[in-house]
Protein backbone atom coordinates (compact mmCIF):
# COMPACT_ATOMS: atom_id res chain seq x y z
CA MET A 1 -14.49 -2.29 -94.67
CA SER A 2 -10.85 -1.86 -93.92
CA ALA A 3 -9.53 -0.09 -90.82
CA GLY A 4 -8.54 3.53 -91.29
CA PRO A 5 -5.05 4.70 -90.85
CA ALA A 6 -3.71 4.96 -87.28
CA ILE A 7 -3.54 8.51 -85.99
CA ALA A 8 -0.51 9.39 -83.91
CA PRO A 9 -0.28 12.43 -81.64
CA SER A 10 1.63 15.34 -83.01
CA VAL A 11 3.98 15.22 -79.96
CA PRO A 12 5.60 12.26 -78.22
CA VAL A 13 3.48 10.74 -75.35
CA ASP A 14 6.37 11.02 -72.91
CA SER A 15 6.38 14.78 -73.32
CA LEU A 16 2.76 15.04 -72.01
CA GLY A 17 3.75 13.98 -68.41
CA ALA A 18 1.94 11.58 -66.01
CA ARG A 19 -1.80 11.97 -65.38
CA LEU A 20 -2.44 13.77 -62.10
CA PRO A 21 -4.81 12.20 -59.53
CA ASP A 22 -8.32 13.58 -59.43
CA GLU A 23 -9.63 11.61 -56.43
CA LEU A 24 -8.20 11.59 -52.89
CA THR A 25 -9.57 9.80 -49.81
CA LEU A 26 -8.35 10.05 -46.20
CA THR A 27 -9.11 7.37 -43.61
CA SER A 28 -8.18 6.62 -40.00
CA ASP A 29 -8.07 3.24 -38.33
CA THR A 30 -9.80 4.67 -35.23
CA GLU A 31 -12.07 7.49 -34.14
CA ALA A 32 -10.63 7.61 -30.62
CA VAL A 33 -7.40 6.51 -29.01
CA ARG A 34 -5.70 6.95 -25.64
CA ALA A 35 -3.58 10.06 -25.23
CA GLY A 36 -0.09 9.53 -26.59
CA LYS A 37 -1.07 6.44 -28.61
CA PRO A 38 -0.95 6.57 -32.46
CA ALA A 39 -3.79 6.59 -34.96
CA LEU A 40 -3.00 5.30 -38.47
CA LEU A 41 -3.92 7.89 -41.10
CA THR A 42 -3.96 6.79 -44.76
CA ALA A 43 -4.43 9.00 -47.83
CA THR A 44 -5.18 7.17 -51.12
CA THR A 45 -5.37 8.58 -54.66
CA ASN A 46 -6.62 7.09 -57.90
CA ALA A 47 -3.28 7.74 -59.61
CA THR A 48 0.35 7.80 -58.69
CA VAL A 49 2.22 11.01 -57.99
CA THR A 50 5.49 9.41 -59.04
CA GLY A 51 7.15 11.44 -61.78
CA THR A 52 4.99 14.51 -61.13
CA ASP A 53 5.65 17.75 -59.31
CA ARG A 54 3.06 16.79 -56.72
CA ALA A 55 3.10 14.97 -53.38
CA ILE A 56 0.45 13.42 -51.15
CA GLU A 57 0.51 15.36 -47.86
CA ILE A 58 -1.49 14.92 -44.64
CA PHE A 59 -2.06 17.88 -42.32
CA ASP A 60 -3.24 18.16 -38.73
CA GLN A 61 -5.70 20.99 -39.29
CA THR A 62 -6.11 21.52 -35.54
CA SER A 63 -2.46 22.19 -34.85
CA GLY A 64 -1.65 23.42 -38.39
CA THR A 65 1.22 20.98 -38.84
CA LEU A 66 2.33 18.72 -41.66
CA VAL A 67 2.30 15.12 -40.37
CA ALA A 68 3.16 13.15 -43.54
CA ALA A 69 4.41 13.72 -47.10
CA CYS A 70 4.91 11.17 -49.88
CA ALA A 71 6.37 12.10 -53.30
CA GLN A 72 5.88 8.67 -54.83
CA GLY A 73 3.08 6.18 -55.23
CA SER A 74 -0.65 6.53 -54.77
CA GLN A 75 -0.87 6.07 -51.01
CA CYS A 76 0.61 7.84 -47.99
CA SER A 77 0.30 6.60 -44.40
CA VAL A 78 1.48 7.81 -41.00
CA ALA A 79 1.06 6.63 -37.40
CA TYR A 80 0.35 9.92 -35.66
CA ALA A 81 0.00 10.54 -31.92
CA ALA A 82 -1.31 13.58 -30.05
CA THR A 83 -1.42 14.31 -26.36
CA SER A 84 -5.09 15.24 -26.01
CA GLY A 85 -8.26 16.52 -27.61
CA VAL A 86 -10.02 16.08 -30.94
CA HIS A 87 -7.86 16.72 -34.00
CA GLU A 88 -9.14 17.23 -37.54
CA PHE A 89 -7.06 15.97 -40.47
CA ALA A 90 -7.08 16.59 -44.21
CA ALA A 91 -4.92 15.32 -47.08
CA PHE A 92 -3.91 17.13 -50.27
CA VAL A 93 -2.30 16.31 -53.59
CA THR A 94 -0.22 19.43 -53.82
CA PRO A 95 3.14 20.81 -54.81
CA PRO A 96 5.37 20.06 -51.80
CA THR A 97 4.68 22.50 -48.96
CA THR A 98 4.85 22.68 -45.17
CA THR A 99 1.61 24.60 -44.74
CA ALA A 100 -1.86 23.49 -45.69
CA PRO A 101 -2.57 24.63 -49.29
CA ASN A 102 -5.80 26.11 -50.55
CA ASN A 103 -8.07 24.18 -52.84
CA ALA A 104 -7.18 26.34 -55.85
CA VAL A 105 -3.74 24.79 -56.19
CA ALA A 106 -4.32 21.40 -54.59
CA LEU A 107 -6.66 18.42 -54.65
CA PRO A 108 -8.24 18.11 -51.18
CA SER A 109 -9.52 15.01 -49.46
CA ASN A 110 -12.41 14.52 -47.08
CA HIS A 111 -11.78 15.51 -43.45
CA VAL A 112 -11.23 12.96 -40.66
CA SER A 113 -11.51 13.59 -36.92
CA VAL A 114 -9.64 11.58 -34.27
CA GLY A 115 -10.02 12.10 -30.51
CA TRP A 116 -7.15 11.51 -28.11
CA LEU A 117 -8.67 10.53 -24.79
CA ASP A 118 -7.25 11.68 -21.51
CA SER A 119 -8.73 12.39 -18.13
CA ALA A 120 -7.50 14.30 -15.10
CA ILE A 121 -8.76 14.55 -11.52
CA ALA A 122 -8.32 17.23 -8.88
CA ALA A 123 -9.59 17.80 -5.33
CA ASN A 124 -9.84 21.15 -3.59
CA ARG A 125 -8.48 19.56 -0.39
CA THR A 126 -6.61 16.30 0.06
CA VAL A 127 -6.54 16.07 3.89
CA VAL A 128 -9.75 16.69 5.86
CA GLY A 129 -11.45 15.55 9.04
CA PRO A 130 -14.07 12.78 9.07
CA GLY A 131 -17.48 14.03 7.91
CA GLN A 132 -16.04 16.98 6.02
CA ALA A 133 -16.77 17.43 2.33
CA ILE A 134 -14.30 17.89 -0.51
CA THR A 135 -14.94 18.98 -4.08
CA VAL A 136 -13.64 16.66 -6.77
CA THR A 137 -13.40 17.65 -10.44
CA ALA A 138 -12.72 15.30 -13.34
CA THR A 139 -11.88 16.62 -16.79
CA SER A 140 -11.88 15.10 -20.27
CA THR A 141 -9.86 16.17 -23.28
CA PHE A 142 -13.03 16.36 -25.39
CA ASP A 143 -16.79 16.58 -25.02
CA VAL A 144 -17.90 13.05 -24.15
CA GLN A 145 -21.43 13.61 -25.52
CA LYS A 146 -20.19 13.66 -29.10
CA SER A 147 -18.75 10.16 -28.77
CA GLY A 148 -21.54 8.66 -26.65
CA ARG A 149 -19.23 8.24 -23.65
CA TRP A 150 -19.46 9.13 -19.96
CA LEU A 151 -17.01 11.05 -17.82
CA GLU A 152 -17.03 9.36 -14.41
CA ILE A 153 -15.55 10.08 -11.00
CA TYR A 154 -14.63 6.70 -9.53
CA ASP A 155 -13.48 5.76 -6.01
CA LEU A 156 -10.91 2.99 -6.48
CA SER A 157 -10.64 2.35 -2.73
CA ALA A 158 -14.39 1.78 -2.35
CA GLY A 159 -14.71 0.10 -5.75
CA ALA A 160 -17.66 2.32 -6.62
CA ARG A 161 -18.63 5.09 -9.01
CA VAL A 162 -19.17 8.42 -7.24
CA THR A 163 -20.94 10.22 -10.11
CA TYR A 164 -20.90 10.62 -13.90
CA CYS A 165 -21.55 13.26 -16.56
CA SER A 166 -22.82 12.42 -20.05
CA ARG A 167 -21.79 15.66 -21.75
CA GLY A 168 -19.12 18.32 -21.64
CA THR A 169 -15.49 18.15 -20.59
CA VAL A 170 -15.87 18.75 -16.82
CA CYS A 171 -17.61 16.71 -14.13
CA THR A 172 -17.73 17.95 -10.51
CA THR A 173 -19.13 16.55 -7.28
CA THR A 174 -18.67 16.70 -3.51
CA MET A 175 -17.62 13.76 -1.36
CA LYS A 176 -17.35 13.06 2.35
CA GLN A 177 -16.58 10.09 4.55
CA THR A 178 -17.77 9.69 8.12
CA THR A 179 -14.81 7.51 9.08
CA GLY A 180 -11.09 8.02 8.61
CA GLY A 181 -9.29 6.50 5.67
CA VAL A 182 -7.46 7.15 2.42
CA HIS A 183 -9.42 7.05 -0.83
CA GLN A 184 -7.89 6.86 -4.30
CA ILE A 185 -10.12 8.71 -6.75
CA VAL A 186 -9.78 8.79 -10.55
CA GLY A 187 -11.41 10.41 -13.53
CA TYR A 188 -12.63 7.78 -16.00
CA ILE A 189 -13.82 8.07 -19.62
CA THR A 190 -15.94 5.09 -20.59
CA GLY A 191 -15.95 3.28 -23.91
CA LYS A 192 -13.33 1.54 -25.96
CA PRO A 193 -10.69 2.63 -25.61
CA GLU A 194 -11.23 3.94 -22.09
CA ALA A 195 -9.11 6.54 -20.31
CA VAL A 196 -8.25 6.61 -16.61
CA SER A 197 -6.55 9.54 -14.92
CA THR A 198 -3.71 9.41 -12.46
CA PRO A 199 -5.42 9.00 -9.06
CA VAL A 200 -5.65 11.70 -6.43
CA ASN A 201 -5.37 10.50 -2.84
CA VAL A 202 -7.80 12.09 -0.40
CA THR A 203 -7.32 11.41 3.30
CA TRP A 204 -10.08 11.63 5.85
CA LEU A 205 -8.06 11.85 9.02
CA ARG A 206 -7.77 8.99 11.47
CA VAL A 207 -5.51 8.68 14.50
CA SER A 208 -4.52 5.69 16.60
CA LEU A 209 -2.67 5.48 19.87
CA ALA A 210 -0.33 2.91 21.40
CA ALA A 211 0.44 3.15 25.12
CA THR A 212 3.15 0.87 26.45
CA SER A 213 4.59 0.52 29.92
CA ILE A 214 7.77 -1.55 29.83
CA GLY A 215 7.19 -2.80 33.33
CA PRO A 216 4.56 -4.57 35.42
CA LYS A 217 1.11 -3.18 36.18
CA SER A 218 2.39 -1.56 39.38
CA GLY A 219 3.55 1.58 37.58
CA GLY A 220 6.40 3.24 35.74
CA THR A 221 7.03 5.16 32.55
CA VAL A 222 4.39 4.99 29.85
CA ASN A 223 5.56 5.35 26.26
CA LEU A 224 2.83 6.91 24.11
CA ARG A 225 2.89 6.89 20.34
CA ALA A 226 0.13 8.50 18.29
CA THR A 227 -0.05 7.75 14.57
CA ALA A 228 -2.11 9.70 12.03
CA ASN A 229 -2.90 8.34 8.59
CA ALA A 230 -1.45 11.48 6.96
CA ASP A 231 1.58 13.71 7.34
CA LEU A 232 0.29 16.84 9.07
CA SER A 233 3.26 19.04 8.13
CA GLY A 234 1.37 20.64 5.24
CA THR A 235 -1.94 21.05 7.09
CA PRO A 236 -3.30 23.48 9.71
CA TRP A 237 -3.35 20.73 12.32
CA VAL A 238 -1.09 19.12 14.90
CA LEU A 239 -1.11 15.84 16.78
CA GLY A 240 -1.38 15.72 20.56
CA ILE A 241 -2.06 13.21 23.34
CA TYR A 242 -4.29 13.86 26.37
CA ASP A 243 -4.65 11.97 29.65
CA GLN A 244 -7.95 11.02 31.28
CA ASN A 245 -8.07 14.38 33.09
CA GLY A 246 -7.90 16.36 29.85
CA ASN A 247 -4.27 17.38 30.28
CA LEU A 248 -1.99 17.49 27.26
CA VAL A 249 0.94 15.11 27.72
CA ASP A 250 4.23 16.89 27.07
CA HIS A 251 4.09 18.47 23.58
CA VAL A 252 2.32 18.40 20.24
CA CYS A 253 3.79 17.25 16.92
CA LYS A 254 3.27 18.41 13.33
CA SER A 255 3.93 15.12 11.59
CA ALA A 256 2.34 11.71 11.07
CA THR A 257 3.56 10.41 14.45
CA CYS A 258 4.01 11.81 17.92
CA THR A 259 5.94 10.06 20.68
CA VAL A 260 5.86 11.29 24.29
CA GLN A 261 6.24 9.80 27.76
CA ALA A 262 4.01 9.90 30.81
CA TRP A 263 4.27 8.44 34.31
CA MET A 264 1.79 6.24 36.14
CA ASP A 265 2.12 5.59 39.86
CA GLY A 266 0.19 2.34 39.95
CA SER A 267 -2.66 3.70 42.07
CA SER A 268 -5.02 3.76 39.07
CA ASN A 269 -5.23 2.68 35.46
CA PRO A 270 -4.75 5.84 33.36
CA ALA A 271 -6.24 6.21 29.89
CA TYR A 272 -4.93 8.34 27.05
CA THR A 273 -6.45 9.75 23.86
CA ALA A 274 -4.75 11.02 20.71
CA VAL A 275 -6.25 14.11 19.09
CA ILE A 276 -5.75 15.94 15.79
CA GLY A 277 -6.57 19.64 16.09
CA ALA A 278 -5.22 23.14 15.66
CA LEU A 279 -3.09 25.25 17.94
CA PRO A 280 -5.13 28.03 19.56
CA GLN A 281 -4.87 31.36 17.76
CA GLY A 282 -4.27 34.75 19.33
CA LYS A 283 -1.56 37.30 19.84
CA PRO A 284 0.74 35.68 22.39
CA GLY A 285 3.75 37.29 23.92
CA LEU A 286 7.27 36.00 23.54
CA ILE A 287 6.98 33.27 26.18
CA GLU A 288 3.64 32.11 24.85
CA ARG A 289 4.97 32.04 21.29
CA ILE A 290 7.78 29.79 22.44
CA THR A 291 5.49 27.43 24.38
CA HIS A 292 3.03 27.23 21.49
CA ALA A 293 5.75 26.15 19.07
CA VAL A 294 5.45 22.63 17.78
CA GLY A 295 7.49 20.30 19.97
CA ALA A 296 7.18 22.56 23.03
CA PRO A 297 4.67 22.20 25.88
CA THR A 298 1.24 23.58 24.96
CA PRO A 299 -0.75 24.63 28.04
CA GLN A 300 -3.90 25.59 26.13
CA PRO A 301 -6.06 22.82 24.68
CA LEU A 302 -6.17 22.27 20.94
CA VAL A 303 -9.08 23.70 18.96
CA ASP A 304 -10.84 22.75 15.71
CA ILE A 305 -10.63 19.08 16.67
CA GLN A 306 -10.72 16.90 13.55
CA THR A 307 -10.68 13.43 15.07
CA ARG A 308 -9.81 11.47 18.21
CA SER A 309 -8.59 7.99 18.92
CA THR A 310 -10.42 5.67 21.26
CA PRO A 311 -9.11 5.90 24.86
CA VAL A 312 -6.23 3.50 25.43
CA GLU A 313 -4.94 2.03 28.68
CA PRO A 314 -1.20 1.30 28.73
CA THR A 315 0.00 -2.14 27.92
CA HIS A 316 2.44 -3.79 30.30
CA LEU A 317 5.17 -6.40 30.24
CA LEU A 318 4.40 -10.11 30.41
CA TRP A 319 6.91 -12.76 31.45
CA GLY A 320 6.79 -16.19 29.89
CA VAL A 321 8.65 -19.18 28.54
CA ASP A 322 8.63 -21.41 25.50
CA SER A 323 9.50 -25.07 25.29
CA CYS A 324 9.79 -28.02 23.01
CA LYS A 325 8.44 -30.29 25.75
CA ALA A 326 4.82 -30.37 26.85
CA PHE A 327 4.34 -28.43 30.08
CA THR A 328 2.11 -31.20 31.43
CA GLY A 329 2.03 -34.89 30.68
CA ASP A 330 5.65 -35.18 29.56
CA SER A 331 7.42 -38.39 30.55
CA THR A 332 10.27 -36.42 32.14
CA GLY A 333 7.98 -34.69 34.64
CA GLU A 334 5.52 -31.85 35.07
CA LEU A 335 7.33 -28.93 33.51
CA PHE A 336 4.74 -26.30 34.44
CA TYR A 337 5.10 -26.84 38.16
CA ALA A 338 8.89 -27.07 37.90
CA VAL A 339 9.01 -23.68 36.12
CA ALA A 340 6.58 -22.10 38.58
CA LYS A 341 8.67 -23.32 41.54
CA LYS A 342 12.10 -22.40 40.20
CA LEU A 343 11.50 -19.39 37.93
CA GLY A 344 8.01 -18.13 38.75
CA THR A 345 4.55 -18.72 37.30
CA PRO A 346 4.63 -17.63 33.67
CA ASP A 347 2.06 -15.30 32.15
CA PHE A 348 2.31 -17.14 28.85
CA TRP A 349 3.89 -20.23 27.29
CA GLY A 350 5.10 -20.71 23.71
CA ARG A 351 4.16 -24.16 22.36
CA TYR A 352 4.15 -25.84 18.98
CA LEU A 353 0.98 -26.51 17.03
CA THR A 354 1.98 -29.74 15.27
CA ASP A 355 4.09 -32.85 15.82
CA THR A 356 7.14 -31.96 13.80
CA VAL A 357 10.47 -31.45 15.53
CA CYS A 358 8.68 -31.05 18.87
CA PRO A 359 5.40 -32.61 20.03
CA GLY A 360 2.37 -30.44 19.37
CA ILE A 361 0.41 -28.95 22.24
CA SER A 362 -1.99 -31.46 23.81
CA SER A 363 -5.56 -31.15 25.04
CA ASN A 364 -4.26 -31.61 28.61
CA GLU A 365 -2.01 -28.58 28.17
CA VAL A 366 -4.93 -26.54 26.83
CA SER A 367 -7.01 -27.52 29.88
CA MET A 368 -4.20 -26.55 32.27
CA ALA A 369 -3.73 -23.21 30.50
CA ALA A 370 -7.43 -22.47 30.97
CA ARG A 371 -7.23 -23.43 34.67
CA TYR A 372 -4.29 -21.09 35.37
CA HIS A 373 -5.28 -18.33 32.91
CA LEU A 374 -2.04 -19.03 31.06
CA GLY A 375 -1.63 -17.39 27.67
CA ILE A 376 -0.49 -19.61 24.82
CA LEU A 377 1.83 -18.34 22.08
CA PRO A 378 1.17 -20.82 19.23
CA ILE A 379 4.23 -21.68 17.11
CA TYR A 380 4.46 -23.47 13.78
CA ASN A 381 7.60 -25.07 12.43
CA ASP A 382 8.33 -27.52 9.64
CA TYR A 383 10.49 -30.64 9.60
CA ASN A 384 13.02 -28.84 7.41
CA CYS A 385 14.07 -25.60 9.12
CA SER A 386 16.12 -24.69 6.04
CA ASP A 387 13.04 -24.49 3.85
CA VAL A 388 12.09 -20.83 4.35
CA ARG A 389 12.08 -19.54 0.77
CA TYR A 390 9.38 -18.64 -1.74
CA TYR A 391 5.80 -17.50 -1.44
CA GLU A 392 4.36 -20.97 -2.03
CA THR A 393 6.32 -22.38 0.92
CA GLY A 394 5.18 -19.68 3.32
CA GLN A 395 1.58 -20.06 2.24
CA ALA A 396 1.70 -23.86 2.53
CA TYR A 397 3.02 -23.56 6.10
CA ALA A 398 0.22 -21.12 6.86
CA VAL A 399 -2.43 -23.54 5.60
CA ALA A 400 -1.06 -26.29 7.86
CA ALA A 401 -0.83 -23.93 10.84
CA VAL A 402 -4.38 -22.64 10.38
CA ALA A 403 -5.74 -26.18 10.14
CA ALA A 404 -3.98 -27.09 13.41
CA ALA A 405 -5.19 -23.90 15.11
CA LYS A 406 -8.79 -24.62 14.18
CA ARG A 407 -8.54 -28.21 15.43
CA LEU A 408 -7.36 -26.86 18.78
CA GLY A 409 -10.15 -24.29 18.92
CA ILE A 410 -7.90 -21.21 18.73
CA PRO A 411 -10.22 -18.31 17.92
CA ALA A 412 -9.61 -15.80 15.17
CA GLY A 413 -7.64 -12.72 16.11
CA ARG A 414 -4.94 -14.65 17.98
CA VAL A 415 -1.27 -14.86 16.96
CA ILE A 416 0.32 -17.74 15.13
CA ALA A 417 4.12 -17.50 14.95
CA ILE A 418 6.33 -19.02 12.26
CA ASP A 419 9.65 -20.33 13.55
CA ILE A 420 12.50 -18.93 11.43
CA GLU A 421 15.67 -20.27 13.02
CA PRO A 422 19.11 -18.69 12.60
CA PRO A 423 21.34 -20.15 9.86
CA GLY A 424 23.86 -22.68 11.12
CA ASP A 425 24.75 -26.35 10.99
CA ALA A 426 21.20 -27.38 11.88
CA CYS A 427 19.47 -24.98 9.49
CA PRO A 428 21.96 -23.83 6.80
CA GLY A 429 19.19 -22.88 4.40
CA ALA A 430 17.73 -20.38 6.87
CA ALA A 431 20.22 -17.89 5.42
CA ASN A 432 18.02 -17.84 2.29
CA VAL A 433 14.82 -16.60 3.94
CA ASP A 434 13.19 -14.22 1.47
CA SER A 435 10.37 -11.74 1.15
CA GLY A 436 8.28 -14.23 -0.78
CA PHE A 437 8.21 -16.57 2.20
CA ILE A 438 7.29 -13.72 4.55
CA GLU A 439 4.51 -12.57 2.24
CA GLY A 440 3.17 -16.12 1.78
CA TRP A 441 2.97 -16.71 5.54
CA PHE A 442 1.27 -13.33 6.03
CA ASP A 443 -1.38 -13.92 3.36
CA GLY A 444 -2.22 -17.43 4.56
CA ILE A 445 -2.49 -16.50 8.25
CA HIS A 446 -4.06 -13.06 7.84
CA ASP A 447 -6.67 -14.23 5.32
CA ALA A 448 -7.73 -16.95 7.77
CA GLY A 449 -8.40 -14.31 10.43
CA TYR A 450 -5.33 -14.83 12.61
CA VAL A 451 -2.43 -12.47 13.35
CA PRO A 452 0.77 -13.43 11.49
CA THR A 453 3.81 -13.41 13.78
CA TYR A 454 7.45 -13.99 12.91
CA TYR A 455 10.02 -15.50 15.28
CA GLY A 456 13.42 -14.54 13.92
CA ASN A 457 16.60 -12.56 14.36
CA GLY A 458 15.51 -8.97 14.85
CA THR A 459 19.03 -7.60 14.45
CA SER A 460 19.18 -5.03 11.66
CA GLY A 461 21.06 -6.30 8.61
CA THR A 462 20.69 -10.02 9.38
CA GLU A 463 19.09 -12.45 6.96
CA PHE A 464 15.61 -12.29 8.46
CA ALA A 465 15.68 -8.56 9.20
CA SER A 466 16.81 -7.78 5.64
CA ALA A 467 14.08 -9.95 4.12
CA TRP A 468 11.54 -8.40 6.47
CA CYS A 469 12.51 -4.82 5.58
CA ALA A 470 12.42 -5.59 1.86
CA THR A 471 8.93 -7.00 2.29
CA VAL A 472 7.40 -4.20 4.34
CA SER A 473 8.88 -1.51 2.10
CA LYS A 474 6.83 -3.05 -0.71
CA TYR A 475 3.81 -4.04 1.39
CA PRO A 476 3.46 -1.66 4.38
CA ASN A 477 0.32 -3.44 5.57
CA ILE A 478 2.43 -6.47 6.50
CA ALA A 479 4.29 -4.30 9.04
CA THR A 480 1.10 -2.95 10.60
CA ASP A 481 -0.95 -6.15 10.56
CA SER A 482 1.59 -8.62 11.94
CA ASP A 483 3.92 -8.93 14.94
CA LEU A 484 7.58 -9.74 15.51
CA TRP A 485 9.30 -11.94 18.11
CA SER A 486 13.08 -11.48 18.22
CA PHE A 487 15.54 -13.99 19.67
CA GLN A 488 18.29 -11.39 19.80
CA PRO A 489 20.06 -10.31 21.88
CA SER A 490 20.36 -13.74 23.46
CA LEU A 491 21.75 -13.17 26.96
CA LEU A 492 23.89 -15.27 29.28
CA GLY A 493 23.16 -15.65 32.96
CA SER A 494 20.49 -16.76 35.41
CA PHE A 495 17.11 -15.12 35.07
CA SER A 496 13.62 -15.58 36.43
CA LYS A 497 10.25 -13.86 36.53
CA VAL A 498 11.46 -11.56 39.28
CA TRP A 499 15.02 -11.24 38.00
CA ASN A 500 14.64 -10.41 34.34
CA PRO A 501 16.19 -7.86 31.99
CA GLY A 502 14.43 -4.69 30.88
CA TYR A 503 12.58 -5.18 27.62
CA GLY A 504 15.17 -4.70 24.88
CA PRO A 505 14.86 -6.86 21.75
CA TYR A 506 16.99 -5.90 18.78
CA ASP A 507 14.95 -4.11 16.15
CA THR A 508 14.97 -4.77 12.40
CA GLY A 509 15.58 -1.12 11.60
CA CYS A 510 12.31 -0.72 9.68
CA ALA A 511 8.58 -0.75 10.34
CA GLY A 512 7.13 -3.56 12.45
CA ASN A 513 5.49 -4.39 15.77
CA MET A 514 8.28 -5.88 17.90
CA LEU A 515 6.12 -7.29 20.68
CA ALA A 516 8.10 -10.24 22.05
CA TRP A 517 11.69 -11.09 22.99
CA GLN A 518 13.25 -14.47 23.73
CA TYR A 519 16.08 -13.17 25.88
CA VAL A 520 17.73 -16.39 27.11
CA LEU A 521 17.84 -19.95 25.82
CA SER A 522 17.34 -23.05 27.90
CA ALA A 523 20.44 -24.34 29.63
CA GLY A 524 19.00 -27.84 29.39
CA ALA A 525 18.60 -28.08 33.16
CA VAL A 526 15.61 -29.30 35.15
CA VAL A 527 13.52 -26.45 33.81
CA ASP A 528 14.21 -26.95 30.11
CA VAL A 529 12.62 -23.75 28.82
CA ASP A 530 13.62 -20.57 27.03
CA GLN A 531 12.59 -17.35 28.75
CA ASP A 532 10.64 -14.57 27.05
CA GLU A 533 9.12 -11.17 27.55
CA ALA A 534 6.14 -9.82 25.62
CA ILE A 535 4.11 -6.65 25.47
CA SER A 536 0.56 -7.31 26.67
CA SER A 537 -0.87 -6.07 23.35
CA LEU A 538 0.42 -9.27 21.74
CA PRO A 539 -2.86 -11.15 21.09
CA LEU A 540 -2.08 -14.42 22.84
CA TRP A 541 -4.55 -17.30 23.06
CA TYR A 542 -6.16 -17.68 26.48
CA PRO A 543 -8.05 -20.99 26.46
CA SER A 544 -11.29 -21.03 28.40
């Protein structure tokens, strides 16, 4: 049988136009993504729209917006990001439009849902007294039950979950702390990806007090400084200091710190307490309104007390020396007795821990210190006084200093000072002291249980002071948990225990506990020692 004749259409094929798609599928590369991050949406047809009057368009049905349009090919993709919530998407093969078409004129796809995760946290109060409760509320941008997730309230400071909710968009709980402190709390959506809110800081109030008498125990002016762990300017409370008889010292302050002065006559050891409370309410007259103003004397006691410091007795001034030579057993003579005879018996003595530039402190010196109740200010230095850069260097010095301290039996909680000499011919590299070195020394000494101390030029703007300020601005805990020993100003003249200058070390110009001052260098005479003053709160080592 032969094939029949070929049948041709009555019109040219080109005049019929391209075949329109009759299948359309929409997919997403994820069901959930962090807020602001993109999800990849892809619409795919079974035929090209090239050469037709149609386009492949993807719409965000939730917001009613066109998110992608493609007039060519059989696939259209877009990386689309939303700020929050669950969004529903649909694609259409449709004549080009900016609004979602109806199914009568367009080929619709399946619908796809994508959730953009975000969490927020809020507290009804952010500064409260110890033992008081706050209400914390975490929110999610979508119902966590539908995605099998949890909405948690998490305490970053404690490293613990406070509570969780397995459904809904809101999770609420109450929290309280019996001790003062600052807690960072976040809202947290579990799963992959997870979402963590910006933290809210809640402060349970705490107050500390420093009482310093820049003079001997016999009496004088007492400088009192109370420090709260929150700025009180936006709270109902003020900061005040009371003496042992319940009398308010001078005035109250509405800030994070309060500095006042008191007088002790030497007949007794006074004690002071810092208090956070509220000014008494009432309808005072003009004079009373003036005296109740913050910064003015407040005759009535504070009310609604939130927290108190422990009672503090004033510190006082210690006189001491430091030396390269051993104060007993040195071949040139018994330095301790020479100092006691010529200058006075020191309250403390600065000595080196290891045999580097100077001989390290000996067991005979430790025994003598115990016999005379002499405080020891342990010092570490390295062979190369120019090598005071980088974190690794500071930490390596700390490791060596801690090892020496433990061999000597220095208990935890005592100071260990790093010797940072001034730049000059002997130590040109000391000009390069940096924050890394300061941080490395701090971490090594502090983590071993000792108190990091820095011997350096306390003058604001100098190499050490600048490095110190850069460090503590980044790590405030270094300022609070370490001490400073300044060798400036370095005075000229003849001094002794009885004839010594008022305590006046140069200050770095930023946060820090300036607790010691080397006020005059050795003249190289019979008593070859530098002379120092220190506040008695400096945790010296007293061998026993």
